[in-house]
Amino acid sequence: MKHYLLMGVFCLLGLMGCQTKTSWVDTSLAPAIYHEKGTKNLSSVDPENRDFPGGRGPNHLVAYTNAFGEKTGTNEWGSEAVIQGGLVINIGGNNSDIPADGLVLSGNESASRWINQTLNVGMEIQLEGDVIHYATTENTYIYQARELYKKVLQRAETGKMTDRQAIDLFVKNGQADFAAFEKAKKEQNTDLALAHGKKLLKSAKNLYYSSFEPRENEFRGVWVRLRDKTPEELRATIRRMADAGFNAILPETIYDGYAIYPDAHALLPQLPQFAGWDPMQVMTEECEKFGMQVIPWCEMFFVGGANSPLVKQKPEWVGKFRHGEIFAELEPGFHYLCPSRPEVADFLLKTVDTMLERYAIKEVQLDYIRYSLSEPWDKGFCYCDYCRKQVRNQLNFDIMAISPENKKEWEQWNDYRTNNITGFVKQVNDLLQTKHTEVKLSVDVVPNPIESTRLKFQNWGSWVKGNQVDAVYIMSYAIDNEVVRSETQSLMEITAGTEVNSIVGLGPFLGFTPETLLEQIEVSREAGADGVCLFSFNGLNEQQLEALKHGPFRSL
């Protein structure tokens, strides 16, 4: 049945009668006349060491051949390129099927970024020992355009792409561009062949972007660390955000022991690069012109590195790790304020209160409302003298004398830390409910609430059920679309039956393609999210901004 439906789509789109094929999509391509070559050393080929899933460790770039097995066996933290017949046929995902006549390139961390930033569908790939040879050819652009066009037809078949005229026009122009491409190849005119191939690909991308339609009443946010040196530069940045379709900007406002605005608190100086002007005031005024919301993104217990003004001015507030230092090993160099101390909570509450008194803000967002990463347990947080004294007085044991083997005491110690964070969130909510009743409270959280509680004592599920927050932003930073889908579904299960807004934070900073960005926005929508927030504007490239502007963020 599906075959006949697809034929029907082709019939509808064909410009010359009912045809099931368009020649530029199906015509075999002549051998390439242009090769832009590169090489890359591999970490391993068909790894035998399985200490990591599939043998792919941190920053590893691995090649898997069919001698390895049917699948790569990797986990979700990376990206893969599938090569068949010497050509890249797919990029994205993990635990890929290994083609009988090909291989899979798989990367983690920096190697994952290399795959996403370097390889494209249609590139030529050759494995030689532990080295990969890759090349972009003029044919690469045609292969990419074909794949995108096929995706558009699939979206039309399922009703996601409704602009039939746009598809008709693309087919007509695509035929002409492909004819010119073939003619240039026959004449050995490399420059002209490349130009026509790139033109066809650009048209295919724009068509694909347009198949992601806008949605009413959708939150479209973006986090940003301001780099603007003047009010004029900041206004220009805001215009770029509005042009891309964002309706909310979340500026990093309190971080590293500083604030971006003046006179935040006696202990919180303004960042030196903003001396003499007030970015918060500029943003609230300028964003109002574009109907954009300003949501201050405020980091709470994390206060930066050793040079943080807070670390220097209030060393007694800085928490201590079990290994005896005030800096984290698991989050290298990070310093955190102790969440147990009432004076720390008072300082943070006063800072938030002053900001909300001064600026026309409708939502404030808390980040790092958690302990530092505390697994393995022997590198956990916080073991300062104040915490030791408090637990000894309240629970009658020394936190330095227990381990997970002391099950009762260890559970009590974990609950103590979890309750400190939950108690602080309640304090902020109480402040808003009593003094700033029009301001909503949102939080940035680790997507998995069980892991969030176990590793960082951030039991955000209880905040939702306890009606302590108005919006939850999960940080679903993954290249794999199915990871985003799963984490969004979990979010929706937790917020079900509440009035808490569910926002999915996506990570284009990981270097994934504009197509992947749009697909993840759609995945979030399909799972029921109220919107998305992108991390971050500083990491978005022009291609991604164009995809948003012409795709799901375009005006209705």
Protein backbone atom coordinates (compact mmCIF):
# COMPACT_ATOMS: atom_id res chain seq x y z
CA MET A 1 0.00 0.00 0.00
CA LYS A 2 2.82 2.39 0.91
CA HIS A 3 4.40 1.87 -2.53
CA TYR A 4 1.22 2.97 -4.28
CA LEU A 5 0.86 5.99 -2.01
CA LEU A 6 4.37 7.09 -2.91
CA MET A 7 3.59 6.59 -6.60
CA GLY A 8 0.59 8.83 -6.07
CA VAL A 9 2.80 11.55 -4.69
CA PHE A 10 5.07 11.33 -7.74
CA CYS A 11 2.02 11.45 -10.03
CA LEU A 12 0.82 14.57 -8.29
CA LEU A 13 4.20 16.22 -8.57
CA GLY A 14 5.14 15.19 -12.10
CA LEU A 15 5.07 18.04 -14.57
CA MET A 16 4.62 15.82 -17.60
CA GLY A 17 1.92 13.28 -16.88
CA CYS A 18 1.95 10.54 -14.28
CA GLN A 19 5.59 9.58 -13.85
CA THR A 20 7.07 7.58 -11.02
CA LYS A 21 10.59 8.91 -11.59
CA THR A 22 12.32 12.20 -12.23
CA SER A 23 15.49 11.71 -14.24
CA TRP A 24 17.81 13.81 -12.12
CA VAL A 25 16.95 11.67 -9.11
CA ASP A 26 17.55 8.32 -10.79
CA THR A 27 20.14 8.96 -13.50
CA SER A 28 23.45 7.25 -12.82
CA LEU A 29 26.23 9.74 -12.27
CA ALA A 30 29.37 9.68 -14.37
CA PRO A 31 32.68 9.29 -12.51
CA ALA A 32 33.74 12.42 -10.67
CA ILE A 33 36.07 14.92 -12.35
CA TYR A 34 36.82 16.84 -9.14
CA HIS A 35 38.13 15.58 -5.80
CA GLU A 36 38.71 17.67 -2.69
CA LYS A 37 40.63 15.14 -0.63
CA GLY A 38 41.52 14.62 3.01
CA THR A 39 42.80 11.94 5.36
CA LYS A 40 42.11 11.10 8.98
CA ASN A 41 43.86 8.70 11.32
CA LEU A 42 41.65 6.22 13.14
CA SER A 43 41.83 5.21 16.78
CA SER A 44 41.14 1.61 15.79
CA VAL A 45 39.53 -0.70 13.25
CA ASP A 46 37.17 -3.41 14.53
CA PRO A 47 38.34 -2.90 18.14
CA GLU A 48 38.91 -5.97 20.26
CA ASN A 49 39.01 -4.06 23.54
CA ARG A 50 35.39 -3.80 24.73
CA ASP A 51 35.90 -1.70 27.87
CA PHE A 52 33.48 0.75 26.25
CA PRO A 53 30.32 -0.12 24.26
CA GLY A 54 31.46 -1.26 20.84
CA GLY A 55 35.04 -0.57 21.89
CA ARG A 56 34.53 3.16 21.22
CA GLY A 57 36.09 5.23 23.99
CA PRO A 58 36.31 8.99 24.65
CA ASN A 59 37.34 10.97 21.55
CA HIS A 60 37.79 7.73 19.59
CA LEU A 61 37.26 7.55 15.84
CA VAL A 62 36.60 3.90 14.98
CA ALA A 63 35.98 2.04 11.73
CA TYR A 64 33.77 -1.04 11.84
CA THR A 65 33.79 -3.55 8.99
CA ASN A 66 31.51 -6.56 8.60
CA ALA A 67 34.26 -8.63 10.23
CA PHE A 68 33.26 -6.93 13.51
CA GLY A 69 29.67 -8.16 13.36
CA GLU A 70 26.25 -6.99 12.27
CA LYS A 71 26.14 -3.82 14.41
CA THR A 72 28.64 -1.41 15.95
CA GLY A 73 27.27 -1.90 19.47
CA THR A 74 27.95 1.71 20.47
CA ASN A 75 25.96 3.76 22.98
CA GLU A 76 24.07 6.98 22.27
CA TRP A 77 26.97 9.34 23.06
CA GLY A 78 28.42 9.88 19.62
CA SER A 79 27.69 9.84 15.93
CA GLU A 80 28.20 7.49 13.01
CA ALA A 81 28.57 7.61 9.24
CA VAL A 82 27.49 4.58 7.22
CA ILE A 83 29.53 3.89 4.07
CA GLN A 84 28.29 1.58 1.34
CA GLY A 85 29.90 1.03 -2.04
CA GLY A 86 32.57 3.59 -1.18
CA LEU A 87 30.04 6.39 -0.54
CA VAL A 88 28.61 7.89 2.64
CA ILE A 89 24.90 7.00 2.63
CA ASN A 90 23.87 8.18 6.10
CA ILE A 91 25.13 10.27 9.00
CA GLY A 92 23.68 10.20 12.50
CA GLY A 93 22.67 7.79 15.20
CA ASN A 94 24.63 5.02 16.89
CA ASN A 95 24.69 1.22 17.05
CA SER A 96 24.38 1.24 13.26
CA ASP A 97 24.01 -1.77 10.99
CA ILE A 98 27.32 -2.53 9.27
CA PRO A 99 26.84 -2.96 5.49
CA ALA A 100 28.16 -6.14 3.91
CA ASP A 101 29.86 -4.06 1.21
CA GLY A 102 30.95 -1.18 3.38
CA LEU A 103 31.81 0.04 6.85
CA VAL A 104 30.74 2.41 9.60
CA LEU A 105 32.79 5.31 10.93
CA SER A 106 31.92 6.00 14.56
CA GLY A 107 33.07 8.85 16.76
CA ASN A 108 32.72 10.02 20.34
CA GLU A 109 33.14 13.60 21.61
CA SER A 110 35.73 15.37 19.40
CA ALA A 111 35.59 12.54 16.86
CA SER A 112 31.80 12.83 16.75
CA ARG A 113 32.14 16.54 16.02
CA TRP A 114 34.63 15.73 13.25
CA ILE A 115 32.14 13.36 11.61
CA ASN A 116 29.33 15.90 11.70
CA GLN A 117 31.44 18.84 10.57
CA THR A 118 33.51 17.07 7.90
CA LEU A 119 31.56 14.23 6.32
CA ASN A 120 28.49 14.50 4.11
CA VAL A 121 26.23 12.07 2.31
CA GLY A 122 27.73 11.29 -1.09
CA MET A 123 31.37 11.74 -0.12
CA GLU A 124 33.82 9.09 -1.29
CA ILE A 125 35.44 7.05 1.49
CA GLN A 126 38.29 4.57 1.37
CA LEU A 127 39.75 2.62 4.30
CA GLU A 128 43.48 1.95 4.10
CA GLY A 129 44.93 0.33 7.20
CA ASP A 130 44.12 2.66 10.09
CA VAL A 131 43.64 5.70 7.85
CA ILE A 132 40.48 7.01 6.22
CA HIS A 133 40.74 8.76 2.86
CA TYR A 134 37.75 10.96 2.08
CA ALA A 135 36.83 13.22 -0.81
CA THR A 136 34.13 15.67 -1.76
CA THR A 137 33.31 15.54 -5.46
CA GLU A 138 30.89 17.40 -7.68
CA ASN A 139 28.67 14.30 -7.41
CA THR A 140 28.52 14.70 -3.62
CA TYR A 141 26.19 17.67 -3.97
CA ILE A 142 23.84 15.72 -6.23
CA TYR A 143 23.71 12.77 -3.83
CA GLN A 144 22.86 15.11 -0.95
CA ALA A 145 20.17 16.87 -2.97
CA ARG A 146 18.64 13.51 -3.92
CA GLU A 147 18.49 12.35 -0.32
CA LEU A 148 16.83 15.56 0.81
CA TYR A 149 14.31 15.40 -2.04
CA LYS A 150 13.41 11.83 -1.11
CA LYS A 151 12.85 12.97 2.48
CA VAL A 152 10.57 15.75 1.24
CA LEU A 153 8.49 13.21 -0.69
CA GLN A 154 8.23 11.04 2.40
CA ARG A 155 7.07 14.06 4.39
CA ALA A 156 4.52 14.90 1.70
CA GLU A 157 3.23 11.34 1.84
CA THR A 158 2.65 11.60 5.59
CA GLY A 159 1.08 15.06 5.37
CA LYS A 160 3.95 16.94 6.99
CA MET A 161 4.83 18.79 3.78
CA THR A 162 1.77 20.53 2.37
CA ASP A 163 3.22 23.04 -0.12
CA ARG A 164 2.80 21.08 -3.37
CA GLN A 165 3.61 24.12 -5.50
CA ALA A 166 7.03 24.43 -3.88
CA ILE A 167 7.77 20.79 -4.74
CA ASP A 168 6.57 21.27 -8.33
CA LEU A 169 8.82 24.30 -8.76
CA PHE A 170 11.78 22.46 -7.29
CA VAL A 171 11.29 19.52 -9.68
CA LYS A 172 11.17 21.87 -12.67
CA ASN A 173 14.24 23.87 -11.67
CA GLY A 174 16.07 20.76 -10.50
CA GLN A 175 15.75 19.19 -13.95
CA ALA A 176 17.30 22.29 -15.53
CA ASP A 177 20.12 22.51 -12.99
CA PHE A 178 20.93 18.82 -13.37
CA ALA A 179 21.02 19.08 -17.15
CA ALA A 180 23.44 21.99 -16.86
CA PHE A 181 25.48 19.98 -14.32
CA GLU A 182 25.80 17.00 -16.68
CA LYS A 183 26.69 19.25 -19.61
CA ALA A 184 29.47 20.91 -17.60
CA LYS A 185 30.85 17.50 -16.62
CA LYS A 186 30.95 16.31 -20.22
CA GLU A 187 32.85 19.47 -21.11
CA GLN A 188 35.22 18.87 -18.16
CA ASN A 189 34.22 22.28 -16.79
CA THR A 190 34.83 21.61 -13.11
CA ASP A 191 33.92 25.07 -11.81
CA LEU A 192 30.60 25.12 -13.65
CA ALA A 193 29.73 21.56 -12.59
CA LEU A 194 30.42 22.47 -8.96
CA ALA A 195 28.34 25.64 -9.25
CA HIS A 196 25.31 23.78 -10.62
CA GLY A 197 25.68 20.97 -8.07
CA LYS A 198 25.83 23.44 -5.19
CA LYS A 199 22.86 25.37 -6.58
CA LEU A 200 20.76 22.21 -6.76
CA LEU A 201 21.75 21.25 -3.22
CA LYS A 202 20.88 24.70 -1.87
CA SER A 203 17.44 24.48 -3.47
CA ALA A 204 16.92 21.00 -2.02
CA LYS A 205 17.90 22.21 1.44
CA ASN A 206 15.51 25.15 1.28
CA LEU A 207 12.72 22.83 0.16
CA TYR A 208 13.48 20.44 3.00
CA TYR A 209 13.60 23.28 5.55
CA SER A 210 10.23 24.55 4.34
CA SER A 211 8.69 21.13 4.97
CA PHE A 212 8.99 21.82 8.72
CA GLU A 213 6.04 24.07 9.27
CA PRO A 214 5.64 26.67 12.03
CA ARG A 215 3.42 26.09 15.03
CA GLU A 216 1.25 28.54 16.92
CA ASN A 217 1.97 29.46 20.55
CA GLU A 218 5.31 27.68 20.56
CA PHE A 219 8.19 28.67 22.81
CA ARG A 220 11.32 29.28 20.70
CA GLY A 221 14.13 30.20 23.04
CA VAL A 222 17.89 30.51 22.79
CA TRP A 223 20.53 30.72 25.51
CA VAL A 224 23.34 33.18 24.92
CA ARG A 225 26.52 34.39 26.60
CA LEU A 226 26.73 38.00 25.48
CA ARG A 227 29.84 38.98 23.50
CA ASP A 228 28.60 42.41 22.44
CA LYS A 229 30.85 45.31 23.41
CA THR A 230 28.34 48.13 22.95
CA PRO A 231 24.58 48.67 23.14
CA GLU A 232 24.54 49.00 19.35
CA GLU A 233 26.16 45.59 18.90
CA LEU A 234 23.68 44.02 21.33
CA ARG A 235 20.74 45.54 19.47
CA ALA A 236 22.09 44.08 16.23
CA THR A 237 22.38 40.64 17.88
CA ILE A 238 18.78 40.83 19.07
CA ARG A 239 17.66 41.71 15.54
CA ARG A 240 19.48 38.62 14.23
CA MET A 241 17.69 36.48 16.81
CA ALA A 242 14.31 37.93 15.89
CA ASP A 243 15.05 37.45 12.20
CA ALA A 244 15.75 33.75 12.82
CA GLY A 245 12.35 33.40 14.50
CA PHE A 246 13.23 33.24 18.20
CA ASN A 247 10.63 34.64 20.59
CA ALA A 248 12.67 34.37 23.79
CA ILE A 249 16.26 35.20 24.66
CA LEU A 250 17.87 33.67 27.74
CA PRO A 251 21.03 35.68 28.46
CA GLU A 252 23.59 34.25 30.86
CA THR A 253 23.07 36.87 33.54
CA ILE A 254 24.76 35.70 36.75
CA TYR A 255 27.81 33.50 36.30
CA ASP A 256 31.44 32.99 37.37
CA GLY A 257 30.89 35.28 40.37
CA TYR A 258 29.76 38.24 38.24
CA ALA A 259 26.58 39.79 36.86
CA ILE A 260 26.17 41.34 33.42
CA TYR A 261 24.38 44.36 34.89
CA PRO A 262 25.63 46.96 37.43
CA ASP A 263 24.95 46.98 41.18
CA ALA A 264 23.62 43.44 41.33
CA HIS A 265 24.96 42.88 44.86
CA ALA A 266 27.86 44.11 46.93
CA LEU A 267 29.52 40.71 46.45
CA LEU A 268 28.65 40.40 42.76
CA PRO A 269 30.54 42.88 40.54
CA GLN A 270 29.54 43.68 36.99
CA LEU A 271 31.54 41.87 34.32
CA PRO A 272 34.30 44.29 33.27
CA GLN A 273 33.44 44.11 29.56
CA PHE A 274 30.06 45.71 30.28
CA ALA A 275 31.35 48.58 32.41
CA GLY A 276 29.59 51.83 31.64
CA TRP A 277 26.36 50.37 30.28
CA ASP A 278 23.58 47.97 31.22
CA PRO A 279 22.96 45.02 28.86
CA MET A 280 19.86 43.94 30.81
CA GLN A 281 18.22 47.31 30.30
CA VAL A 282 19.10 47.29 26.60
CA MET A 283 17.68 43.78 26.17
CA THR A 284 14.40 44.43 27.95
CA GLU A 285 13.82 47.57 25.87
CA GLU A 286 14.94 46.16 22.51
CA CYS A 287 13.25 42.77 22.83
CA GLU A 288 9.92 44.44 23.53
CA LYS A 289 10.07 45.92 20.01
CA PHE A 290 10.20 42.42 18.52
CA GLY A 291 7.76 40.74 20.89
CA MET A 292 10.60 38.72 22.41
CA GLN A 293 10.73 37.68 26.04
CA VAL A 294 13.89 38.17 28.14
CA ILE A 295 14.47 35.35 30.63
CA PRO A 296 17.59 35.86 32.78
CA TRP A 297 19.59 32.65 32.96
CA CYS A 298 21.13 32.66 36.44
CA GLU A 299 23.73 30.20 37.69
CA MET A 300 23.26 29.51 41.37
CA PHE A 301 25.68 27.28 43.28
CA PHE A 302 28.37 27.06 40.59
CA VAL A 303 30.48 30.23 40.82
CA GLY A 304 33.34 29.68 38.39
CA GLY A 305 37.03 29.00 38.80
CA ALA A 306 39.70 30.03 41.28
CA ASN A 307 39.60 33.65 40.06
CA SER A 308 35.90 34.09 40.76
CA PRO A 309 35.30 37.19 42.92
CA LEU A 310 33.00 35.14 45.15
CA VAL A 311 35.64 32.48 45.69
CA LYS A 312 38.10 35.18 46.73
CA GLN A 313 35.72 37.28 48.83
CA LYS A 314 33.83 34.50 50.57
CA PRO A 315 36.12 31.45 50.75
CA GLU A 316 34.15 30.16 53.75
CA TRP A 317 31.08 29.84 51.53
CA VAL A 318 32.86 27.63 49.03
CA GLY A 319 32.11 23.94 49.47
CA LYS A 320 34.73 21.25 49.84
CA PHE A 321 35.02 17.95 48.01
CA ARG A 322 35.67 14.66 49.75
CA HIS A 323 39.22 14.63 48.41
CA GLY A 324 39.83 17.75 50.51
CA GLU A 325 40.01 20.44 47.83
CA ILE A 326 37.57 23.26 47.00
CA PHE A 327 37.73 22.55 43.28
CA ALA A 328 36.05 19.69 41.45
CA GLU A 329 37.95 16.88 39.77
CA LEU A 330 34.95 15.45 37.92
CA GLU A 331 34.04 18.93 36.62
CA PRO A 332 37.64 20.14 36.35
CA GLY A 333 38.34 23.42 38.14
CA PHE A 334 34.69 24.14 39.01
CA HIS A 335 33.97 25.80 42.36
CA TYR A 336 30.58 25.53 44.06
CA LEU A 337 29.02 27.38 46.97
CA CYS A 338 27.87 25.11 49.79
CA PRO A 339 24.09 24.59 49.45
CA SER A 340 23.78 23.90 53.19
CA ARG A 341 24.70 27.41 54.31
CA PRO A 342 21.79 29.78 55.04
CA GLU A 343 23.96 32.79 54.19
CA VAL A 344 24.53 31.37 50.68
CA ALA A 345 20.78 31.04 50.13
CA ASP A 346 20.24 34.55 51.52
CA PHE A 347 22.82 35.97 49.10
CA LEU A 348 21.28 34.25 46.08
CA LEU A 349 17.73 35.18 47.06
CA LYS A 350 18.69 38.81 47.57
CA THR A 351 20.37 38.89 44.17
CA VAL A 352 17.31 37.48 42.41
CA ASP A 353 15.01 39.81 44.35
CA THR A 354 17.00 42.92 43.42
CA MET A 355 17.10 41.95 39.74
CA LEU A 356 13.34 41.43 39.59
CA GLU A 357 12.71 44.75 41.34
CA ARG A 358 14.78 46.59 38.76
CA TYR A 359 13.87 45.01 35.42
CA ALA A 360 10.60 44.16 33.66
CA ILE A 361 11.06 40.40 33.77
CA LYS A 362 8.28 37.82 33.43
CA GLU A 363 10.37 34.68 34.04
CA VAL A 364 13.63 33.93 35.82
CA GLN A 365 15.60 30.77 35.15
CA LEU A 366 17.80 28.94 37.64
CA ASP A 367 20.74 26.85 36.48
CA TYR A 368 23.23 24.83 38.53
CA ILE A 369 20.57 24.33 41.19
CA ARG A 370 22.39 21.20 42.21
CA TYR A 371 25.46 19.77 43.86
CA SER A 372 28.59 19.15 41.86
CA LEU A 373 28.76 15.74 40.18
CA SER A 374 29.24 13.30 43.06
CA GLU A 375 29.97 9.93 41.52
CA PRO A 376 32.36 8.23 42.12
CA TRP A 377 31.33 8.82 45.70
CA ASP A 378 34.89 9.37 46.95
CA LYS A 379 35.08 12.55 44.86
CA GLY A 380 31.67 13.79 45.97
CA PHE A 381 30.45 17.12 47.35
CA CYS A 382 30.06 18.80 49.91
CA TYR A 383 32.28 17.84 52.85
CA CYS A 384 33.06 21.26 54.30
CA ASP A 385 33.30 21.82 58.05
CA TYR A 386 29.82 23.34 58.12
CA CYS A 387 28.25 20.27 56.49
CA ARG A 388 30.13 17.90 58.78
CA LYS A 389 28.89 19.82 61.82
CA GLN A 390 25.29 20.03 60.59
CA VAL A 391 25.04 16.32 59.78
CA ARG A 392 26.71 15.36 63.04
CA ASN A 393 24.19 17.45 64.98
CA GLN A 394 21.14 16.37 62.96
CA LEU A 395 21.92 12.76 62.07
CA ASN A 396 24.58 11.81 64.61
CA PHE A 397 27.35 10.61 62.28
CA ASP A 398 30.44 11.99 60.55
CA ILE A 399 30.07 12.19 56.78
CA MET A 400 33.80 11.60 56.37
CA ALA A 401 33.50 8.30 58.21
CA ILE A 402 30.83 6.72 56.00
CA SER A 403 30.67 5.22 52.51
CA PRO A 404 27.94 3.57 50.39
CA GLU A 405 28.56 0.41 52.41
CA ASN A 406 26.91 2.18 55.37
CA LYS A 407 23.54 1.97 53.66
CA LYS A 408 21.35 3.70 56.26
CA GLU A 409 23.71 6.58 56.91
CA TRP A 410 24.56 6.97 53.23
CA GLU A 411 20.89 7.23 52.29
CA GLN A 412 20.39 9.83 55.02
CA TRP A 413 23.40 11.80 53.75
CA ASN A 414 22.06 11.73 50.20
CA ASP A 415 18.62 12.83 51.39
CA TYR A 416 20.23 15.68 53.33
CA ARG A 417 21.88 16.97 50.16
CA THR A 418 18.77 16.48 48.03
CA ASN A 419 16.62 18.32 50.57
CA ASN A 420 19.01 21.28 50.58
CA ILE A 421 18.49 21.81 46.85
CA THR A 422 14.74 21.24 46.99
CA GLY A 423 14.53 23.62 49.95
CA PHE A 424 16.33 26.34 48.02
CA VAL A 425 13.98 25.99 45.04
CA LYS A 426 11.07 26.35 47.47
CA GLN A 427 12.63 29.52 48.89
CA VAL A 428 12.89 31.07 45.43
CA ASN A 429 9.32 30.06 44.64
CA ASP A 430 8.12 31.54 47.94
CA LEU A 431 9.89 34.81 47.08
CA LEU A 432 8.10 34.99 43.75
CA GLN A 433 4.73 33.99 45.19
CA THR A 434 4.86 36.66 47.89
CA LYS A 435 6.68 39.56 46.21
CA HIS A 436 6.91 39.03 42.44
CA THR A 437 3.62 37.36 41.70
CA GLU A 438 3.76 37.99 37.94
CA VAL A 439 7.16 36.32 37.54
CA LYS A 440 7.42 32.65 36.62
CA LEU A 441 10.16 30.31 37.82
CA SER A 442 11.93 27.93 35.45
CA VAL A 443 14.80 25.51 35.99
CA ASP A 444 17.47 23.86 33.84
CA VAL A 445 17.83 20.18 34.69
CA VAL A 446 19.50 16.92 33.78
CA PRO A 447 16.93 15.05 31.61
CA ASN A 448 16.79 11.82 33.59
CA PRO A 449 15.32 12.63 37.03
CA ILE A 450 16.63 9.44 38.60
CA GLU A 451 20.18 10.11 37.44
CA SER A 452 19.79 13.79 38.27
CA THR A 453 18.96 12.91 41.86
CA ARG A 454 21.54 10.16 42.20
CA LEU A 455 24.47 12.07 40.71
CA LYS A 456 23.69 15.69 41.58
CA PHE A 457 20.90 15.58 44.20
CA GLN A 458 18.60 17.48 41.86
CA ASN A 459 15.20 15.86 42.41
CA TRP A 460 13.36 18.02 39.91
CA GLY A 461 10.47 15.60 39.60
CA SER A 462 9.49 16.50 43.16
CA TRP A 463 9.61 20.21 42.26
CA VAL A 464 7.11 19.57 39.49
CA LYS A 465 4.79 17.50 41.66
CA GLY A 466 5.15 20.00 44.52
CA ASN A 467 4.10 22.90 42.28
CA GLN A 468 7.38 24.71 42.98
CA VAL A 469 8.25 25.59 39.36
CA ASP A 470 6.42 26.90 36.31
CA ALA A 471 8.66 25.48 33.59
CA VAL A 472 11.26 22.73 33.26
CA TYR A 473 13.97 22.87 30.60
CA ILE A 474 15.65 19.51 30.11
CA MET A 475 19.15 19.71 28.65
CA SER A 476 18.73 17.05 25.97
CA TYR A 477 22.08 17.58 24.30
CA ALA A 478 22.51 14.65 21.92
CA ILE A 479 23.18 14.07 18.24
CA ASP A 480 20.90 11.04 18.19
CA ASN A 481 17.29 12.09 17.51
CA GLU A 482 15.94 9.05 19.33
CA VAL A 483 17.69 10.13 22.53
CA VAL A 484 15.89 13.47 22.30
CA ARG A 485 12.59 11.69 21.66
CA SER A 486 13.02 9.38 24.66
CA GLU A 487 14.06 12.17 27.03
CA THR A 488 11.18 14.38 25.90
CA GLN A 489 8.70 11.56 26.43
CA SER A 490 10.06 11.09 29.97
CA LEU A 491 9.67 14.82 30.61
CA MET A 492 6.06 14.72 29.43
CA GLU A 493 5.29 11.79 31.71
CA ILE A 494 6.55 13.75 34.72
CA THR A 495 4.74 16.99 33.87
CA ALA A 496 1.50 15.23 32.88
CA GLY A 497 -1.47 16.51 34.85
CA THR A 498 0.34 19.69 35.92
CA GLU A 499 0.49 23.21 34.50
CA VAL A 500 4.28 23.10 34.25
CA ASN A 501 5.58 24.04 30.81
CA SER A 502 7.83 21.41 29.24
CA ILE A 503 10.73 22.84 27.25
CA VAL A 504 13.39 20.76 25.49
CA GLY A 505 16.90 22.17 25.43
CA LEU A 506 18.69 21.10 22.24
CA GLY A 507 22.43 21.15 21.59
CA PRO A 508 23.38 22.43 18.12
CA PHE A 509 26.72 23.38 19.72
CA LEU A 510 27.58 19.70 19.23
CA GLY A 511 28.04 20.50 15.56
CA PHE A 512 25.13 18.64 14.03
CA THR A 513 23.65 19.62 10.70
CA PRO A 514 20.80 22.08 10.12
CA GLU A 515 18.70 19.11 9.03
CA THR A 516 19.29 17.35 12.35
CA LEU A 517 18.38 20.53 14.23
CA LEU A 518 15.01 20.75 12.48
CA GLU A 519 14.38 17.05 12.97
CA GLN A 520 15.01 17.36 16.72
CA ILE A 521 12.61 20.29 16.95
CA GLU A 522 10.00 18.11 15.27
CA VAL A 523 10.77 15.16 17.54
CA SER A 524 10.22 17.43 20.56
CA ARG A 525 6.92 18.64 19.13
CA GLU A 526 5.69 15.14 18.39
CA ALA A 527 6.43 14.08 21.96
CA GLY A 528 4.26 16.94 23.24
CA ALA A 529 6.75 19.60 24.39
CA ASP A 530 5.64 23.22 24.69
CA GLY A 531 8.72 24.40 22.85
CA VAL A 532 12.47 24.25 22.53
CA CYS A 533 15.47 26.24 23.69
CA LEU A 534 18.76 26.06 21.79
CA PHE A 535 22.21 26.00 23.34
CA SER A 536 23.48 28.35 22.35
CA PHE A 537 23.27 31.38 20.06
CA ASN A 538 27.06 31.64 20.17
CA GLY A 539 27.31 28.17 18.65
CA LEU A 540 24.70 28.52 15.91
CA ASN A 541 26.12 28.90 12.41
CA GLU A 542 24.51 30.77 9.53
CA GLN A 543 23.27 27.56 7.91
CA GLN A 544 21.42 26.58 11.09
CA LEU A 545 19.92 30.06 11.44
CA GLU A 546 18.73 29.96 7.83
CA ALA A 547 17.16 26.55 8.40
CA LEU A 548 15.22 27.89 11.38
CA LYS A 549 14.18 31.04 9.54
CA HIS A 550 12.85 29.16 6.49
CA GLY A 551 11.59 26.17 8.46
CA PRO A 552 9.84 25.69 11.81
CA PHE A 553 10.56 29.20 13.15
CA ARG A 554 9.21 31.10 10.15
CA SER A 555 6.23 33.40 10.57
CA LEU A 556 2.77 31.89 10.30
